[in-house]
Structures are given as structure tokens and as C-alpha cells.
């Protein structure tokens, strides 16, 4: 058992699925941005409603991505200065992305319930969607560098750690 009361198998499972889970919020937040911007520009309510649904699902999957990512970082043991810096940047952007998406989701639900999605408020969501894409890109870029440069989350590294 580790400090959280979970067995090694349970923590490895969380760490192992990070590389699979993480692609869901990337795809969903990107799809959200495309639907949100298209719905506003084309004035199509169906696209805007779809965007909100995709955003909400993206937020849920983002929580799982952060949870599994934290476990993956805990399980990795071959840290050095460069990989630690990359990890810190990746974790920071992942956290910003998660909470920014939660903020957009809550604001978007509030606006829909109050039926205030018109005028300049619509265009605010174009800006927010673009900021979210910027955050997703940077999170993924740093995460990709962790895999590409240091092999984090790969079977090759796991084999080296056990030697």
C-alpha cells in the first residue's frame, strides 16, 4: 500500500491510463471551441447548444486527466532538473486549463439559464474559447515533451525503473 491507502496496482492503473484519458479533454475542448465559434458566427442555436454539452463533458474528462496525470507523475522516479521543470509547466497549464474550462462552463450555463446569450456577451465566448484552445495547446505541448524527451508514461521507462 502507498500513502493514500491504495495498492501499487491501483495507482499504476491510474498512471497507466493517463496517456489514454488525456486525449478526451483535448478533443472535446477543441470541438467545443469550433462549435462555439461556429454557432456564434453562423447564429445557429443547435451548434451553441452542442458546444455547451461538449464543454461539460470535456470538463468531466479533464478532471480524470488531471487525476491520472498526478498519479503518473507520482509513480515516475527518474526526475532531473529539465524533466521537473517540464512537469511543473505541464501541471500548471493542466490546472489552468481545468479551472478555466470550469469557469467557462459555469458562466455559459448561467448565461443560458438567464437567456442572456446575445450582443457582446456572445463575442466574449469566442475570446474565451480561443483562450481555452491556447491553454490546451500548451498543456499538450509540455506533456508531449515529457513523453518525447524523457519517455514518461512509456513502457521503456518503466522497464528501466525496475532495473
N, C-alpha and C. Protein backbone atom coordinates (compact mmCIF):
# COMPACT_ATOMS: atom_id res chain seq x y z
N UNK A 1 0.84 -1.19 0.00
CA UNK A 1 0.00 0.00 0.00
C UNK A 1 0.88 1.24 0.00
N UNK A 2 0.40 2.29 -0.69
CA UNK A 2 1.13 3.55 -0.65
C UNK A 2 0.47 4.49 0.35
N UNK A 3 0.94 5.74 0.39
CA UNK A 3 0.46 6.69 1.41
C UNK A 3 -1.03 6.98 1.31
N UNK A 4 -1.64 6.78 0.15
CA UNK A 4 -3.06 7.08 0.00
C UNK A 4 -3.95 5.89 0.38
N UNK A 5 -3.33 4.77 0.77
CA UNK A 5 -4.10 3.59 1.11
C UNK A 5 -4.43 2.73 -0.10
N UNK A 6 -3.92 3.10 -1.27
CA UNK A 6 -4.18 2.33 -2.48
C UNK A 6 -3.03 1.36 -2.72
N UNK A 7 -3.36 0.25 -3.32
CA UNK A 7 -2.32 -0.70 -3.65
C UNK A 7 -1.52 -0.19 -4.84
N UNK A 8 -0.33 -0.77 -5.05
CA UNK A 8 0.51 -0.38 -6.17
C UNK A 8 -0.22 -0.60 -7.50
N UNK A 9 -1.00 -1.68 -7.58
CA UNK A 9 -1.74 -1.97 -8.81
C UNK A 9 -2.76 -0.87 -9.11
N UNK A 10 -3.45 -0.38 -8.07
CA UNK A 10 -4.44 0.67 -8.28
C UNK A 10 -3.78 1.96 -8.74
N UNK A 11 -2.67 2.34 -8.13
CA UNK A 11 -2.01 3.59 -8.52
C UNK A 11 -1.40 3.46 -9.90
N UNK A 12 -0.85 2.29 -10.24
CA UNK A 12 -0.31 2.10 -11.58
C UNK A 12 -1.41 2.17 -12.63
N UNK A 13 -2.58 1.66 -12.31
CA UNK A 13 -3.70 1.72 -13.25
C UNK A 13 -4.02 3.17 -13.57
N UNK A 14 -4.12 4.02 -12.54
CA UNK A 14 -4.39 5.43 -12.78
C UNK A 14 -3.29 6.06 -13.63
N UNK A 15 -2.05 5.77 -13.29
CA UNK A 15 -0.93 6.34 -14.04
C UNK A 15 -0.93 5.83 -15.48
N UNK A 16 -1.21 4.55 -15.66
CA UNK A 16 -1.18 3.95 -17.00
C UNK A 16 -2.26 4.52 -17.92
N UNK A 17 -3.42 4.85 -17.38
CA UNK A 17 -4.49 5.32 -18.27
C UNK A 17 -4.39 6.81 -18.57
N UNK A 18 -3.46 7.52 -17.95
CA UNK A 18 -3.33 8.96 -18.22
C UNK A 18 -3.12 9.23 -19.71
N UNK A 19 -2.24 8.46 -20.33
CA UNK A 19 -1.95 8.70 -21.74
C UNK A 19 -3.15 8.43 -22.64
N UNK A 20 -4.12 7.69 -22.15
CA UNK A 20 -5.34 7.44 -22.92
C UNK A 20 -6.42 8.46 -22.58
N UNK A 21 -6.60 8.73 -21.31
CA UNK A 21 -7.65 9.65 -20.84
C UNK A 21 -7.40 11.08 -21.31
N UNK A 22 -6.14 11.48 -21.35
CA UNK A 22 -5.80 12.87 -21.62
C UNK A 22 -6.27 13.34 -23.00
N UNK A 23 -6.44 12.43 -23.93
CA UNK A 23 -6.84 12.84 -25.28
C UNK A 23 -8.31 13.23 -25.37
N UNK A 24 -9.12 12.80 -24.42
CA UNK A 24 -10.53 13.17 -24.43
C UNK A 24 -10.74 14.66 -24.20
N UNK A 25 -10.18 15.25 -23.13
CA UNK A 25 -10.39 16.69 -22.98
C UNK A 25 -9.76 17.50 -24.11
N UNK A 26 -8.65 17.03 -24.66
CA UNK A 26 -8.04 17.75 -25.79
C UNK A 26 -9.04 17.80 -26.95
N UNK A 27 -9.58 16.65 -27.30
CA UNK A 27 -10.53 16.58 -28.42
C UNK A 27 -11.82 17.33 -28.10
N UNK A 28 -12.32 17.16 -26.89
CA UNK A 28 -13.60 17.79 -26.53
C UNK A 28 -13.49 19.30 -26.43
N UNK A 29 -12.42 19.81 -25.83
CA UNK A 29 -12.26 21.26 -25.74
C UNK A 29 -12.03 21.89 -27.12
N UNK A 30 -11.32 21.18 -27.99
CA UNK A 30 -11.12 21.68 -29.34
C UNK A 30 -12.45 21.69 -30.10
N UNK A 31 -13.21 20.62 -29.97
CA UNK A 31 -14.52 20.55 -30.61
C UNK A 31 -15.44 21.63 -30.04
N UNK A 32 -15.39 21.83 -28.72
CA UNK A 32 -16.19 22.89 -28.10
C UNK A 32 -15.89 24.23 -28.77
N UNK A 33 -14.61 24.56 -28.89
CA UNK A 33 -14.22 25.86 -29.45
C UNK A 33 -14.74 26.02 -30.88
N UNK A 34 -14.60 24.98 -31.68
CA UNK A 34 -15.08 25.04 -33.07
C UNK A 34 -16.59 25.23 -33.10
N UNK A 35 -17.32 24.46 -32.30
CA UNK A 35 -18.78 24.57 -32.26
C UNK A 35 -19.23 25.92 -31.70
N UNK A 36 -18.57 26.38 -30.65
CA UNK A 36 -18.95 27.66 -30.03
C UNK A 36 -18.77 28.80 -31.02
N UNK A 37 -17.60 28.86 -31.63
CA UNK A 37 -17.31 29.94 -32.58
C UNK A 37 -18.23 29.84 -33.80
N UNK A 38 -18.42 28.63 -34.32
CA UNK A 38 -19.30 28.44 -35.48
C UNK A 38 -20.74 28.81 -35.15
N UNK A 39 -21.20 28.38 -33.98
CA UNK A 39 -22.57 28.69 -33.57
C UNK A 39 -22.82 30.18 -33.43
N UNK A 40 -21.83 30.90 -32.94
CA UNK A 40 -21.99 32.35 -32.77
C UNK A 40 -21.93 33.05 -34.12
N UNK A 41 -20.94 32.71 -34.93
CA UNK A 41 -20.78 33.37 -36.23
C UNK A 41 -21.94 33.05 -37.17
N UNK A 42 -22.37 31.78 -37.20
CA UNK A 42 -23.45 31.37 -38.09
C UNK A 42 -24.83 31.57 -37.47
N UNK A 43 -24.86 31.97 -36.21
CA UNK A 43 -26.10 32.20 -35.47
C UNK A 43 -26.99 30.94 -35.48
N UNK A 44 -26.38 29.80 -35.17
CA UNK A 44 -27.09 28.52 -35.14
C UNK A 44 -27.17 28.04 -33.69
N UNK A 45 -28.38 28.02 -33.16
CA UNK A 45 -28.60 27.63 -31.77
C UNK A 45 -28.19 26.18 -31.52
N UNK A 46 -28.43 25.30 -32.50
CA UNK A 46 -28.05 23.89 -32.35
C UNK A 46 -26.55 23.76 -32.10
N UNK A 47 -25.73 24.51 -32.82
CA UNK A 47 -24.28 24.45 -32.63
C UNK A 47 -23.89 24.97 -31.25
N UNK A 48 -24.55 26.03 -30.81
CA UNK A 48 -24.25 26.59 -29.49
C UNK A 48 -24.64 25.63 -28.37
N UNK A 49 -25.79 24.99 -28.51
CA UNK A 49 -26.22 24.01 -27.50
C UNK A 49 -25.28 22.80 -27.50
N UNK A 50 -24.90 22.37 -28.68
CA UNK A 50 -23.95 21.26 -28.78
C UNK A 50 -22.62 21.63 -28.14
N UNK A 51 -22.19 22.87 -28.35
CA UNK A 51 -20.93 23.35 -27.77
C UNK A 51 -20.97 23.25 -26.25
N UNK A 52 -22.07 23.66 -25.66
CA UNK A 52 -22.19 23.61 -24.19
C UNK A 52 -22.13 22.17 -23.69
N UNK A 53 -22.82 21.27 -24.35
CA UNK A 53 -22.80 19.86 -23.95
C UNK A 53 -21.38 19.30 -24.05
N UNK A 54 -20.70 19.57 -25.14
CA UNK A 54 -19.33 19.08 -25.34
C UNK A 54 -18.40 19.69 -24.28
N UNK A 55 -18.59 20.96 -23.96
CA UNK A 55 -17.78 21.61 -22.93
C UNK A 55 -17.97 20.92 -21.58
N UNK A 56 -19.21 20.64 -21.21
CA UNK A 56 -19.48 19.97 -19.92
C UNK A 56 -18.82 18.59 -19.86
N UNK A 57 -18.92 17.84 -20.94
CA UNK A 57 -18.27 16.52 -20.98
C UNK A 57 -16.75 16.69 -20.91
N UNK A 58 -16.24 17.71 -21.58
CA UNK A 58 -14.80 17.99 -21.54
C UNK A 58 -14.31 18.31 -20.14
N UNK A 59 -15.11 19.03 -19.38
CA UNK A 59 -14.73 19.36 -18.00
C UNK A 59 -14.63 18.08 -17.17
N UNK A 60 -15.61 17.19 -17.31
CA UNK A 60 -15.58 15.93 -16.56
C UNK A 60 -14.34 15.11 -16.93
N UNK A 61 -14.07 14.99 -18.22
CA UNK A 61 -12.90 14.20 -18.63
C UNK A 61 -11.60 14.88 -18.23
N UNK A 62 -11.63 16.19 -18.13
CA UNK A 62 -10.43 16.92 -17.71
C UNK A 62 -10.08 16.62 -16.26
N UNK A 63 -11.09 16.47 -15.41
CA UNK A 63 -10.83 16.08 -14.02
C UNK A 63 -10.11 14.73 -13.97
N UNK A 64 -10.57 13.78 -14.78
CA UNK A 64 -9.92 12.47 -14.83
C UNK A 64 -8.50 12.57 -15.37
N UNK A 65 -8.30 13.43 -16.36
CA UNK A 65 -6.95 13.59 -16.92
C UNK A 65 -5.99 14.15 -15.88
N UNK A 66 -6.45 15.13 -15.10
CA UNK A 66 -5.59 15.71 -14.06
C UNK A 66 -5.33 14.68 -12.96
N UNK A 67 -6.35 13.96 -12.54
CA UNK A 67 -6.19 12.94 -11.51
C UNK A 67 -5.18 11.87 -11.94
N UNK A 68 -5.35 11.35 -13.14
CA UNK A 68 -4.44 10.30 -13.61
C UNK A 68 -3.05 10.86 -13.87
N UNK A 69 -2.97 12.11 -14.30
CA UNK A 69 -1.67 12.73 -14.53
C UNK A 69 -0.89 12.93 -13.25
N UNK A 70 -1.58 13.33 -12.20
CA UNK A 70 -0.91 13.47 -10.90
C UNK A 70 -0.36 12.13 -10.43
N UNK A 71 -1.11 11.06 -10.66
CA UNK A 71 -0.63 9.74 -10.26
C UNK A 71 0.55 9.30 -11.12
N UNK A 72 0.49 9.61 -12.41
CA UNK A 72 1.61 9.26 -13.30
C UNK A 72 2.88 9.98 -12.87
N UNK A 73 2.76 11.23 -12.47
CA UNK A 73 3.93 11.99 -12.00
C UNK A 73 4.47 11.41 -10.70
N UNK A 74 3.58 10.96 -9.82
CA UNK A 74 3.99 10.37 -8.56
C UNK A 74 4.73 9.05 -8.78
N UNK A 75 4.27 8.27 -9.74
CA UNK A 75 4.86 6.96 -10.00
C UNK A 75 6.21 7.03 -10.70
N UNK A 76 6.49 8.12 -11.41
CA UNK A 76 7.75 8.24 -12.15
C UNK A 76 8.87 8.58 -11.16
N UNK A 77 10.03 7.94 -11.31
CA UNK A 77 11.10 8.13 -10.32
C UNK A 77 12.39 8.72 -10.88
N UNK A 78 12.52 8.85 -12.19
CA UNK A 78 13.78 9.28 -12.79
C UNK A 78 13.79 10.78 -13.12
N UNK A 79 13.40 11.61 -12.17
CA UNK A 79 13.32 13.05 -12.42
C UNK A 79 14.71 13.69 -12.43
N UNK A 80 14.87 14.70 -13.28
CA UNK A 80 16.06 15.56 -13.26
C UNK A 80 15.57 17.00 -13.38
N UNK A 81 16.47 17.96 -13.43
CA UNK A 81 16.06 19.37 -13.45
C UNK A 81 15.18 19.70 -14.66
N UNK A 82 15.59 19.25 -15.84
CA UNK A 82 14.83 19.58 -17.05
C UNK A 82 13.45 18.93 -17.05
N UNK A 83 13.40 17.65 -16.69
CA UNK A 83 12.10 16.97 -16.68
C UNK A 83 11.19 17.53 -15.59
N UNK A 84 11.77 17.91 -14.46
CA UNK A 84 10.97 18.50 -13.38
C UNK A 84 10.39 19.84 -13.80
N UNK A 85 11.19 20.64 -14.51
CA UNK A 85 10.70 21.94 -15.00
C UNK A 85 9.56 21.73 -16.00
N UNK A 86 9.75 20.80 -16.91
CA UNK A 86 8.70 20.49 -17.88
C UNK A 86 7.43 20.00 -17.18
N UNK A 87 7.60 19.14 -16.19
CA UNK A 87 6.45 18.64 -15.44
C UNK A 87 5.72 19.79 -14.76
N UNK A 88 6.45 20.68 -14.12
CA UNK A 88 5.82 21.81 -13.44
C UNK A 88 5.04 22.67 -14.43
N UNK A 89 5.62 22.92 -15.61
CA UNK A 89 4.91 23.70 -16.63
C UNK A 89 3.66 22.96 -17.10
N UNK A 90 3.81 21.66 -17.34
CA UNK A 90 2.68 20.84 -17.78
C UNK A 90 1.56 20.84 -16.74
N UNK A 91 1.93 20.63 -15.48
CA UNK A 91 0.92 20.62 -14.41
C UNK A 91 0.26 21.98 -14.25
N UNK A 92 1.04 23.04 -14.35
CA UNK A 92 0.46 24.39 -14.23
C UNK A 92 -0.56 24.63 -15.34
N UNK A 93 -0.17 24.36 -16.58
CA UNK A 93 -1.11 24.57 -17.68
C UNK A 93 -2.32 23.65 -17.58
N UNK A 94 -2.13 22.41 -17.13
CA UNK A 94 -3.26 21.49 -16.97
C UNK A 94 -4.24 22.03 -15.93
N UNK A 95 -3.70 22.56 -14.84
CA UNK A 95 -4.55 23.14 -13.80
C UNK A 95 -5.27 24.37 -14.30
N UNK A 96 -4.55 25.26 -14.99
CA UNK A 96 -5.19 26.46 -15.58
C UNK A 96 -6.29 26.05 -16.55
N UNK A 97 -6.00 25.06 -17.38
CA UNK A 97 -6.97 24.60 -18.37
C UNK A 97 -8.23 24.07 -17.69
N UNK A 98 -8.04 23.23 -16.70
CA UNK A 98 -9.17 22.65 -15.99
C UNK A 98 -10.05 23.73 -15.37
N UNK A 99 -9.46 24.62 -14.59
CA UNK A 99 -10.26 25.62 -13.89
C UNK A 99 -10.82 26.68 -14.82
N UNK A 100 -10.12 26.99 -15.91
CA UNK A 100 -10.65 27.92 -16.89
C UNK A 100 -11.85 27.30 -17.60
N UNK A 101 -11.77 26.01 -17.91
CA UNK A 101 -12.90 25.32 -18.53
C UNK A 101 -14.09 25.25 -17.58
N UNK A 102 -13.84 25.01 -16.31
CA UNK A 102 -14.92 25.02 -15.32
C UNK A 102 -15.57 26.40 -15.28
N UNK A 103 -14.75 27.44 -15.27
CA UNK A 103 -15.26 28.82 -15.26
C UNK A 103 -16.14 29.08 -16.49
N UNK A 104 -15.65 28.71 -17.68
CA UNK A 104 -16.43 28.92 -18.90
C UNK A 104 -17.74 28.14 -18.82
N UNK A 105 -17.67 26.91 -18.36
CA UNK A 105 -18.86 26.05 -18.28
C UNK A 105 -19.91 26.64 -17.34
N UNK A 106 -19.49 27.05 -16.17
CA UNK A 106 -20.42 27.64 -15.20
C UNK A 106 -21.00 28.94 -15.76
N UNK A 107 -20.16 29.79 -16.32
CA UNK A 107 -20.62 31.05 -16.91
C UNK A 107 -21.59 30.78 -18.06
N UNK A 108 -21.25 29.82 -18.89
CA UNK A 108 -22.08 29.50 -20.06
C UNK A 108 -23.43 28.97 -19.63
N UNK A 109 -23.47 28.12 -18.62
CA UNK A 109 -24.75 27.60 -18.10
C UNK A 109 -25.57 28.74 -17.52
N UNK A 110 -24.93 29.61 -16.76
CA UNK A 110 -25.62 30.77 -16.17
C UNK A 110 -26.23 31.64 -17.27
N UNK A 111 -25.46 31.92 -18.31
CA UNK A 111 -25.94 32.77 -19.41
C UNK A 111 -27.12 32.11 -20.13
N UNK A 112 -27.04 30.81 -20.33
CA UNK A 112 -28.14 30.09 -20.99
C UNK A 112 -29.39 30.13 -20.12
N UNK A 113 -29.24 29.88 -18.82
CA UNK A 113 -30.40 29.88 -17.93
C UNK A 113 -31.05 31.26 -17.83
N UNK A 114 -30.23 32.29 -17.87
CA UNK A 114 -30.75 33.66 -17.81
C UNK A 114 -31.18 34.19 -19.18
N UNK A 115 -30.94 33.38 -20.21
CA UNK A 115 -31.29 33.75 -21.60
C UNK A 115 -30.65 35.08 -21.99
N UNK A 116 -29.36 35.20 -21.71
CA UNK A 116 -28.62 36.44 -21.98
C UNK A 116 -27.55 36.26 -23.06
N UNK A 117 -27.65 35.20 -23.87
CA UNK A 117 -26.63 34.92 -24.87
C UNK A 117 -26.91 35.74 -26.13
N UNK A 118 -26.64 37.03 -26.06
CA UNK A 118 -26.79 37.90 -27.22
C UNK A 118 -25.85 39.09 -27.09
N UNK A 119 -25.74 39.86 -28.16
CA UNK A 119 -24.88 41.05 -28.15
C UNK A 119 -23.43 40.73 -27.88
N UNK A 120 -22.78 41.62 -27.13
CA UNK A 120 -21.35 41.45 -26.87
C UNK A 120 -21.01 40.20 -26.06
N UNK A 121 -21.97 39.69 -25.30
CA UNK A 121 -21.70 38.50 -24.49
C UNK A 121 -21.37 37.32 -25.39
N UNK A 122 -22.04 37.21 -26.54
CA UNK A 122 -21.74 36.13 -27.48
C UNK A 122 -20.27 36.18 -27.89
N UNK A 123 -19.79 37.37 -28.16
CA UNK A 123 -18.42 37.51 -28.66
C UNK A 123 -17.38 37.28 -27.55
N UNK A 124 -17.78 37.48 -26.32
CA UNK A 124 -16.91 37.14 -25.20
C UNK A 124 -16.57 35.65 -25.24
N UNK A 125 -17.55 34.82 -25.60
CA UNK A 125 -17.32 33.38 -25.63
C UNK A 125 -16.40 32.96 -26.77
N UNK A 126 -16.34 33.74 -27.84
CA UNK A 126 -15.34 33.46 -28.88
C UNK A 126 -13.96 33.65 -28.29
N UNK A 127 -13.78 34.75 -27.57
CA UNK A 127 -12.49 35.01 -26.93
C UNK A 127 -12.14 33.92 -25.91
N UNK A 128 -13.11 33.55 -25.07
CA UNK A 128 -12.87 32.52 -24.05
C UNK A 128 -12.53 31.18 -24.69
N UNK A 129 -13.21 30.84 -25.78
CA UNK A 129 -12.92 29.58 -26.48
C UNK A 129 -11.50 29.59 -27.04
N UNK A 130 -11.06 30.72 -27.57
CA UNK A 130 -9.69 30.82 -28.10
C UNK A 130 -8.65 30.72 -26.99
N UNK A 131 -8.93 31.34 -25.85
CA UNK A 131 -8.02 31.23 -24.70
C UNK A 131 -7.94 29.77 -24.24
N UNK A 132 -9.07 29.09 -24.21
CA UNK A 132 -9.08 27.68 -23.81
C UNK A 132 -8.23 26.85 -24.76
N UNK A 133 -8.32 27.11 -26.05
CA UNK A 133 -7.51 26.37 -27.02
C UNK A 133 -6.02 26.65 -26.79
N UNK A 134 -5.68 27.89 -26.48
CA UNK A 134 -4.28 28.24 -26.16
C UNK A 134 -3.79 27.42 -24.97
N UNK A 135 -4.61 27.33 -23.92
CA UNK A 135 -4.24 26.56 -22.73
C UNK A 135 -4.12 25.07 -23.04
N UNK A 136 -5.05 24.54 -23.81
CA UNK A 136 -4.99 23.12 -24.19
C UNK A 136 -3.73 22.84 -25.00
N UNK A 137 -3.42 23.72 -25.94
CA UNK A 137 -2.23 23.53 -26.77
C UNK A 137 -0.97 23.49 -25.91
N UNK A 138 -0.83 24.44 -25.00
CA UNK A 138 0.37 24.49 -24.16
C UNK A 138 0.45 23.29 -23.21
N UNK A 139 -0.68 22.89 -22.65
CA UNK A 139 -0.69 21.71 -21.79
C UNK A 139 -0.22 20.49 -22.56
N UNK A 140 -0.79 20.29 -23.73
CA UNK A 140 -0.41 19.15 -24.57
C UNK A 140 1.02 19.23 -25.05
N UNK A 141 1.48 20.42 -25.36
CA UNK A 141 2.86 20.60 -25.83
C UNK A 141 3.86 20.19 -24.74
N UNK A 142 3.65 20.67 -23.52
CA UNK A 142 4.54 20.28 -22.42
C UNK A 142 4.43 18.79 -22.10
N UNK A 143 3.21 18.26 -22.13
CA UNK A 143 3.03 16.83 -21.89
C UNK A 143 3.70 16.00 -22.98
N UNK A 144 3.56 16.43 -24.21
CA UNK A 144 4.22 15.73 -25.31
C UNK A 144 5.73 15.74 -25.18
N UNK A 145 6.28 16.87 -24.72
CA UNK A 145 7.73 16.95 -24.49
C UNK A 145 8.18 15.98 -23.39
N UNK A 146 7.35 15.81 -22.36
CA UNK A 146 7.69 14.85 -21.30
C UNK A 146 7.79 13.43 -21.86
N UNK A 147 6.90 13.10 -22.77
CA UNK A 147 6.93 11.77 -23.38
C UNK A 147 8.09 11.67 -24.37
N UNK A 148 8.20 12.67 -25.24
CA UNK A 148 9.21 12.62 -26.31
C UNK A 148 10.63 12.69 -25.79
N UNK A 149 10.89 13.60 -24.86
CA UNK A 149 12.26 13.81 -24.38
C UNK A 149 12.67 12.85 -23.27
N UNK A 150 11.71 12.44 -22.44
CA UNK A 150 12.05 11.64 -21.26
C UNK A 150 11.36 10.29 -21.20
N UNK A 151 10.47 10.02 -22.14
CA UNK A 151 9.80 8.73 -22.18
C UNK A 151 8.81 8.50 -21.06
N UNK A 152 8.39 9.57 -20.41
CA UNK A 152 7.46 9.43 -19.28
C UNK A 152 6.15 8.82 -19.78
N UNK A 153 5.71 7.78 -19.07
CA UNK A 153 4.48 7.10 -19.43
C UNK A 153 4.66 6.00 -20.47
N UNK A 154 5.90 5.72 -20.82
CA UNK A 154 6.15 4.67 -21.82
C UNK A 154 6.65 3.40 -21.14
N UNK A 155 6.49 2.29 -21.82
CA UNK A 155 6.94 1.01 -21.27
C UNK A 155 8.46 0.94 -21.15
N UNK A 156 9.19 1.61 -22.03
CA UNK A 156 10.65 1.60 -21.99
C UNK A 156 11.14 2.17 -20.66
N UNK A 157 10.56 3.27 -20.23
CA UNK A 157 10.97 3.89 -18.96
C UNK A 157 10.59 2.99 -17.79
N UNK A 158 9.41 2.40 -17.83
CA UNK A 158 9.00 1.51 -16.74
C UNK A 158 9.97 0.34 -16.58
N UNK A 159 10.45 -0.18 -17.69
CA UNK A 159 11.41 -1.28 -17.63
C UNK A 159 12.73 -0.82 -17.03
N UNK A 160 13.17 0.41 -17.36
CA UNK A 160 14.41 0.95 -16.80
C UNK A 160 14.28 1.24 -15.31
N UNK A 161 13.09 1.67 -14.88
CA UNK A 161 12.88 1.98 -13.46
C UNK A 161 12.95 0.72 -12.60
N UNK A 162 12.57 -0.42 -13.16
CA UNK A 162 12.55 -1.65 -12.36
C UNK A 162 13.91 -2.32 -12.30
N UNK A 163 14.85 -1.89 -13.13
CA UNK A 163 16.20 -2.49 -13.13
C UNK A 163 17.02 -2.02 -11.96
